[in-house]
C-alpha atoms as a PDB file:
ATOM      1  CA  MET A   1      60.600  90.181 139.692  1.00  0.00           C
ATOM      2  CA  ILE A   2      57.388  91.813 138.525  1.00  0.00           C
ATOM      3  CA  ARG A   3      57.416  95.554 139.344  1.00  0.00           C
ATOM      4  CA  PHE A   4      53.839  96.289 138.268  1.00  0.00           C
ATOM      5  CA  GLN A   5      51.067  95.202 135.939  1.00  0.00           C
ATOM      6  CA  THR A   6      48.431  97.060 133.971  1.00  0.00           C
ATOM      7  CA  ASP A   7      45.398  95.713 132.154  1.00  0.00           C
ATOM      8  CA  ARG A   8      47.528  94.456 129.238  1.00  0.00           C
ATOM      9  CA  LEU A   9      51.164  94.763 130.360  1.00  0.00           C
ATOM     10  CA  ILE A  10      53.657  93.248 132.778  1.00  0.00           C
ATOM     11  CA  VAL A  11      56.706  95.302 133.748  1.00  0.00           C
ATOM     12  CA  ARG A  12      59.441  93.176 135.282  1.00  0.00           C
ATOM     13  CA  ASP A  13      63.166  93.011 135.906  1.00  0.00           C
ATOM     14  CA  ILE A  14      65.284  92.280 132.840  1.00  0.00           C
ATOM     15  CA  SER A  15      66.637  88.738 132.602  1.00  0.00           C
ATOM     16  CA  LYS A  16      69.394  87.250 130.416  1.00  0.00           C
ATOM     17  CA  GLU A  17      66.703  85.712 128.222  1.00  0.00           C
ATOM     18  CA  ASP A  18      65.363  89.194 127.414  1.00  0.00           C
ATOM     19  CA  ILE A  19      68.582  90.456 125.801  1.00  0.00           C
ATOM     20  CA  ASP A  20      68.005  89.002 122.305  1.00  0.00           C
ATOM     21  CA  PRO A  21      64.419  90.321 121.910  1.00  0.00           C
ATOM     22  CA  LEU A  22      65.447  93.704 123.336  1.00  0.00           C
ATOM     23  CA  LEU A  23      68.467  93.783 121.006  1.00  0.00           C
ATOM     24  CA  GLN A  24      66.064  93.407 118.068  1.00  0.00           C
ATOM     25  CA  ILE A  25      64.078  96.405 119.331  1.00  0.00           C
ATOM     26  CA  TYR A  26      67.293  98.414 119.786  1.00  0.00           C
ATOM     27  CA  GLY A  27      68.330  97.466 116.249  1.00  0.00           C
ATOM     28  CA  LYS A  28      65.474  99.337 114.572  1.00  0.00           C
ATOM     29  CA  LYS A  29      66.284 102.899 113.572  1.00  0.00           C
ATOM     30  CA  GLU A  30      62.610 103.886 113.913  1.00  0.00           C
ATOM     31  CA  ASN A  31      62.540 102.757 117.566  1.00  0.00           C
ATOM     32  CA  MET A  32      65.683 104.673 118.479  1.00  0.00           C
ATOM     33  CA  LYS A  33      65.229 107.988 116.652  1.00  0.00           C
ATOM     34  CA  PHE A  34      64.139 109.875 119.781  1.00  0.00           C
ATOM     35  CA  ILE A  35      66.545 108.181 122.205  1.00  0.00           C
ATOM     36  CA  SER A  36      69.490 110.411 123.240  1.00  0.00           C
ATOM     37  CA  ASP A  37      72.065 109.689 120.558  1.00  0.00           C
ATOM     38  CA  GLY A  38      69.756 107.629 118.321  1.00  0.00           C
ATOM     39  CA  LYS A  39      72.218 104.734 118.256  1.00  0.00           C
ATOM     40  CA  TYR A  40      70.680 101.617 116.738  1.00  0.00           C
ATOM     41  CA  SER A  41      73.721  99.418 116.122  1.00  0.00           C
ATOM     42  CA  TRP A  42      74.092  97.673 119.473  1.00  0.00           C
ATOM     43  CA  SER A  43      75.915  94.434 120.125  1.00  0.00           C
ATOM     44  CA  LYS A  44      74.696  91.878 122.629  1.00  0.00           C
ATOM     45  CA  VAL A  45      77.720  92.649 124.830  1.00  0.00           C
ATOM     46  CA  GLN A  46      77.038  96.418 124.725  1.00  0.00           C
ATOM     47  CA  LEU A  47      73.383  96.000 125.619  1.00  0.00           C
ATOM     48  CA  THR A  48      74.172  93.535 128.414  1.00  0.00           C
ATOM     49  CA  GLU A  49      76.734  95.976 129.849  1.00  0.00           C
ATOM     50  CA  LYS A  50      74.215  98.833 129.630  1.00  0.00           C
ATOM     51  CA  TYR A  51      71.649  96.825 131.604  1.00  0.00           C
ATOM     52  CA  GLU A  52      74.216  95.779 134.199  1.00  0.00           C
ATOM     53  CA  GLU A  53      75.214  99.436 134.699  1.00  0.00           C
ATOM     54  CA  CYS A  54      71.658 100.815 134.784  1.00  0.00           C
ATOM     55  CA  ASN A  55      70.290  98.110 137.051  1.00  0.00           C
ATOM     56  CA  LYS A  56      72.614  98.560 139.994  1.00  0.00           C
ATOM     57  CA  ASN A  57      69.665 100.083 141.880  1.00  0.00           C
ATOM     58  CA  TYR A  58      67.164  97.262 141.422  1.00  0.00           C
ATOM     59  CA  ASP A  59      67.191  96.878 145.212  1.00  0.00           C
ATOM     60  CA  LEU A  60      65.892 100.470 145.455  1.00  0.00           C
ATOM     61  CA  GLY A  61      63.136  99.717 142.926  1.00  0.00           C
ATOM     62  CA  PHE A  62      64.423 101.563 139.899  1.00  0.00           C
ATOM     63  CA  GLY A  63      66.487 100.851 136.786  1.00  0.00           C
ATOM     64  CA  LEU A  64      65.518  99.442 133.388  1.00  0.00           C
ATOM     65  CA  PHE A  65      62.688  96.924 133.108  1.00  0.00           C
ATOM     66  CA  THR A  66      61.237  94.683 130.420  1.00  0.00           C
ATOM     67  CA  ILE A  67      57.739  95.405 129.101  1.00  0.00           C
ATOM     68  CA  CYS A  68      55.751  92.260 128.192  1.00  0.00           C
ATOM     69  CA  LEU A  69      52.264  91.692 126.905  1.00  0.00           C
ATOM     70  CA  LYS A  70      50.213  90.047 129.623  1.00  0.00           C
ATOM     71  CA  ASP A  71      48.411  87.593 127.322  1.00  0.00           C
ATOM     72  CA  THR A  72      51.420  86.291 125.319  1.00  0.00           C
ATOM     73  CA  TYR A  73      54.453  87.381 127.383  1.00  0.00           C
ATOM     74  CA  ALA A  74      55.891  88.876 124.167  1.00  0.00           C
ATOM     75  CA  ILE A  75      58.555  91.490 124.901  1.00  0.00           C
ATOM     76  CA  ILE A  76      57.517  94.812 123.388  1.00  0.00           C
ATOM     77  CA  GLY A  77      60.098  97.169 124.903  1.00  0.00           C
ATOM     78  CA  GLU A  78      61.779  98.526 127.979  1.00  0.00           C
ATOM     79  CA  VAL A  79      60.955 101.194 130.512  1.00  0.00           C
ATOM     80  CA  GLY A  80      63.224 102.845 133.020  1.00  0.00           C
ATOM     81  CA  LEU A  81      63.346 104.958 136.118  1.00  0.00           C
ATOM     82  CA  PHE A  82      66.598 106.824 136.606  1.00  0.00           C
ATOM     83  CA  ASP A  83      68.200 108.800 139.417  1.00  0.00           C
ATOM     84  CA  SER A  84      69.223 111.542 136.975  1.00  0.00           C
ATOM     85  CA  PHE A  85      69.143 114.262 139.626  1.00  0.00           C
ATOM     86  CA  ASN A  86      71.044 112.473 142.434  1.00  0.00           C
ATOM     87  CA  ASP A  87      67.824 112.492 144.427  1.00  0.00           C
ATOM     88  CA  THR A  88      65.858 109.253 144.757  1.00  0.00           C
ATOM     89  CA  LYS A  89      62.712 111.267 145.562  1.00  0.00           C
ATOM     90  CA  LYS A  90      62.873 112.724 142.034  1.00  0.00           C
ATOM     91  CA  LEU A  91      63.162 110.093 139.298  1.00  0.00           C
ATOM     92  CA  GLU A  92      63.256 110.406 135.526  1.00  0.00           C
ATOM     93  CA  SER A  93      61.380 107.996 133.288  1.00  0.00           C
ATOM     94  CA  GLY A  94      62.142 106.756 129.813  1.00  0.00           C
ATOM     95  CA  TYR A  95      60.862 104.025 127.552  1.00  0.00           C
ATOM     96  CA  ILE A  96      61.318 102.327 124.204  1.00  0.00           C
ATOM     97  CA  LEU A  97      58.376 100.542 122.599  1.00  0.00           C
ATOM     98  CA  ASP A  98      58.833  98.485 119.456  1.00  0.00           C
ATOM     99  CA  ASN A  99      57.236 100.474 116.647  1.00  0.00           C
ATOM    100  CA  ILE A 100      54.863  97.621 115.731  1.00  0.00           C
ATOM    101  CA  TYR A 101      53.078  98.363 119.031  1.00  0.00           C
ATOM    102  CA  TRP A 102      52.791 102.136 118.544  1.00  0.00           C
ATOM    103  CA  GLY A 103      49.333 103.718 118.392  1.00  0.00           C
ATOM    104  CA  GLN A 104      47.626 100.977 120.413  1.00  0.00           C
ATOM    105  CA  GLY A 105      47.457 102.734 123.786  1.00  0.00           C
ATOM    106  CA  TYR A 106      50.352 100.836 125.362  1.00  0.00           C
ATOM    107  CA  GLY A 107      52.345 104.014 125.983  1.00  0.00           C
ATOM    108  CA  LYS A 108      49.582 105.642 128.011  1.00  0.00           C
ATOM    109  CA  GLU A 109      48.898 102.443 129.931  1.00  0.00           C
ATOM    110  CA  LEU A 110      52.621 102.090 130.655  1.00  0.00           C
ATOM    111  CA  CYS A 111      53.095 105.726 131.689  1.00  0.00           C
ATOM    112  CA  ASN A 112      50.120 105.670 134.047  1.00  0.00           C
ATOM    113  CA  GLY A 113      51.317 102.385 135.546  1.00  0.00           C
ATOM    114  CA  LEU A 114      54.842 103.723 136.005  1.00  0.00           C
ATOM    115  CA  ILE A 115      53.547 106.870 137.711  1.00  0.00           C
ATOM    116  CA  LYS A 116      51.442 104.761 140.094  1.00  0.00           C
ATOM    117  CA  TYR A 117      54.368 102.438 140.817  1.00  0.00           C
ATOM    118  CA  SER A 118      56.722 105.371 141.432  1.00  0.00           C
ATOM    119  CA  PHE A 119      54.462 107.218 143.837  1.00  0.00           C
ATOM    120  CA  ASN A 120      52.900 104.229 145.602  1.00  0.00           C
ATOM    121  CA  ASN A 121      55.847 101.830 145.823  1.00  0.00           C
ATOM    122  CA  LEU A 122      58.914 104.065 145.704  1.00  0.00           C
ATOM    123  CA  LYS A 123      57.324 107.026 147.519  1.00  0.00           C
ATOM    124  CA  ILE A 124      58.935 109.548 145.201  1.00  0.00           C
ATOM    125  CA  GLU A 125      57.969 113.222 145.246  1.00  0.00           C
ATOM    126  CA  LYS A 126      58.537 114.119 141.577  1.00  0.00           C
ATOM    127  CA  PHE A 127      58.197 112.076 138.406  1.00  0.00           C
ATOM    128  CA  ILE A 128      60.042 113.590 135.428  1.00  0.00           C
ATOM    129  CA  SER A 129      60.030 112.860 131.687  1.00  0.00           C
ATOM    130  CA  ARG A 130      62.319 114.557 129.196  1.00  0.00           C
ATOM    131  CA  MET A 131      62.002 114.259 125.451  1.00  0.00           C
ATOM    132  CA  TYR A 132      62.912 115.942 122.212  1.00  0.00           C
ATOM    133  CA  ALA A 133      60.249 118.491 121.247  1.00  0.00           C
ATOM    134  CA  GLU A 134      59.849 116.791 117.874  1.00  0.00           C
ATOM    135  CA  ASN A 135      58.710 113.595 119.645  1.00  0.00           C
ATOM    136  CA  ILE A 136      55.065 114.630 119.470  1.00  0.00           C
ATOM    137  CA  ALA A 137      53.781 111.238 120.670  1.00  0.00           C
ATOM    138  CA  SER A 138      55.770 111.472 123.930  1.00  0.00           C
ATOM    139  CA  VAL A 139      54.762 115.100 124.437  1.00  0.00           C
ATOM    140  CA  ARG A 140      51.072 114.159 124.075  1.00  0.00           C
ATOM    141  CA  LEU A 141      51.535 111.097 126.259  1.00  0.00           C
ATOM    142  CA  SER A 142      53.079 113.155 129.064  1.00  0.00           C
ATOM    143  CA  GLU A 143      50.170 115.589 128.921  1.00  0.00           C
ATOM    144  CA  GLN A 144      47.555 112.800 128.781  1.00  0.00           C
ATOM    145  CA  CYS A 145      49.109 111.282 131.915  1.00  0.00           C
ATOM    146  CA  GLY A 146      48.664 114.541 133.832  1.00  0.00           C
ATOM    147  CA  MET A 147      52.201 115.868 133.554  1.00  0.00           C
ATOM    148  CA  LYS A 148      52.965 119.558 133.093  1.00  0.00           C
ATOM    149  CA  ARG A 149      55.726 121.066 130.981  1.00  0.00           C
ATOM    150  CA  MET A 150      58.192 122.653 133.405  1.00  0.00           C
ATOM    151  CA  LYS A 151      61.241 123.376 131.230  1.00  0.00           C
ATOM    152  CA  ALA A 152      62.338 123.680 127.645  1.00  0.00           C
ATOM    153  CA  GLY A 153      65.747 124.092 126.102  1.00  0.00           C
ATOM    154  CA  GLU A 154      68.187 123.023 123.420  1.00  0.00           C
ATOM    155  CA  THR A 155      70.847 120.338 123.394  1.00  0.00           C
ATOM    156  CA  ILE A 156      74.409 121.231 122.432  1.00  0.00           C
ATOM    157  CA  ASN A 157      73.627 120.031 118.902  1.00  0.00           C
ATOM    158  CA  GLY A 158      70.593 122.331 118.623  1.00  0.00           C
ATOM    159  CA  ARG A 159      67.714 119.897 119.238  1.00  0.00           C
ATOM    160  CA  ALA A 160      64.845 121.366 121.247  1.00  0.00           C
ATOM    161  CA  TRP A 161      63.755 119.409 124.334  1.00  0.00           C
ATOM    162  CA  TYR A 162      61.017 119.552 126.956  1.00  0.00           C
ATOM    163  CA  GLU A 163      60.867 118.446 130.565  1.00  0.00           C
ATOM    164  CA  TYR A 164      57.539 117.324 132.006  1.00  0.00           C
ATOM    165  CA  GLU A 165      56.775 116.695 135.657  1.00  0.00           C
ATOM    166  CA  ILE A 166      54.083 115.479 137.981  1.00  0.00           C
ATOM    167  CA  SER A 167      54.691 115.993 141.653  1.00  0.00           C
ATOM    168  CA  ASN A 168      51.505 114.954 143.384  1.00  0.00           C
ATOM    169  CA  PHE A 169      50.000 111.610 142.446  1.00  0.00           C
ATOM    170  CA  ARG A 170      46.524 112.658 143.554  1.00  0.00           C
ATOM    171  CA  GLU A 171      46.570 115.468 140.958  1.00  0.00           C
ATOM    172  CA  ASN A 172      46.769 112.890 138.162  1.00  0.00           C
ATOM    173  CA  LYS A 173      43.132 112.093 137.449  1.00  0.00           C
ATOM    174  CA  ASN A 174      44.174 109.498 134.838  1.00  0.00           C
ATOM    175  CA  ASN A 175      45.541 107.243 137.584  1.00  0.00           C
ATOM    176  CA  LYS A 176      42.367 106.549 139.566  1.00  0.00           C
END
């Protein structure tokens, strides 16, 4: 099922056929360096189990989704909406783009599309993104998409993190 489209991207439910291309993306250290534990040695079984666990709420409109290029249908990553706060009116976003697609504006297009989808289709009240402070590209992306830094802290292993939020879709001028 297609969740939303942007000018160049299609965001849709993950299918069995997506596992191998997504496994290749997960297998690159560069792609995974800012993801929680930075793990980049996934097996097909592990990734399939992760998607099965994360996508139990597809019927509610959130979970992990495949990101495809509109013109070629090439899989370039995944994006997710998570009920991290036990409140489906406040969802957390996350994404992984294959590094060969970095710096081409896909992140901003994806983030703006995900914000629109979340507010318009899921009727959420708060859209949250958390990232390591050293992930400058995600920090800039959050700010470019109209999000405001609301919290900062450190993980138990000493890595600084930020939490960004947008709570009123109409305040985000980038989503007209």
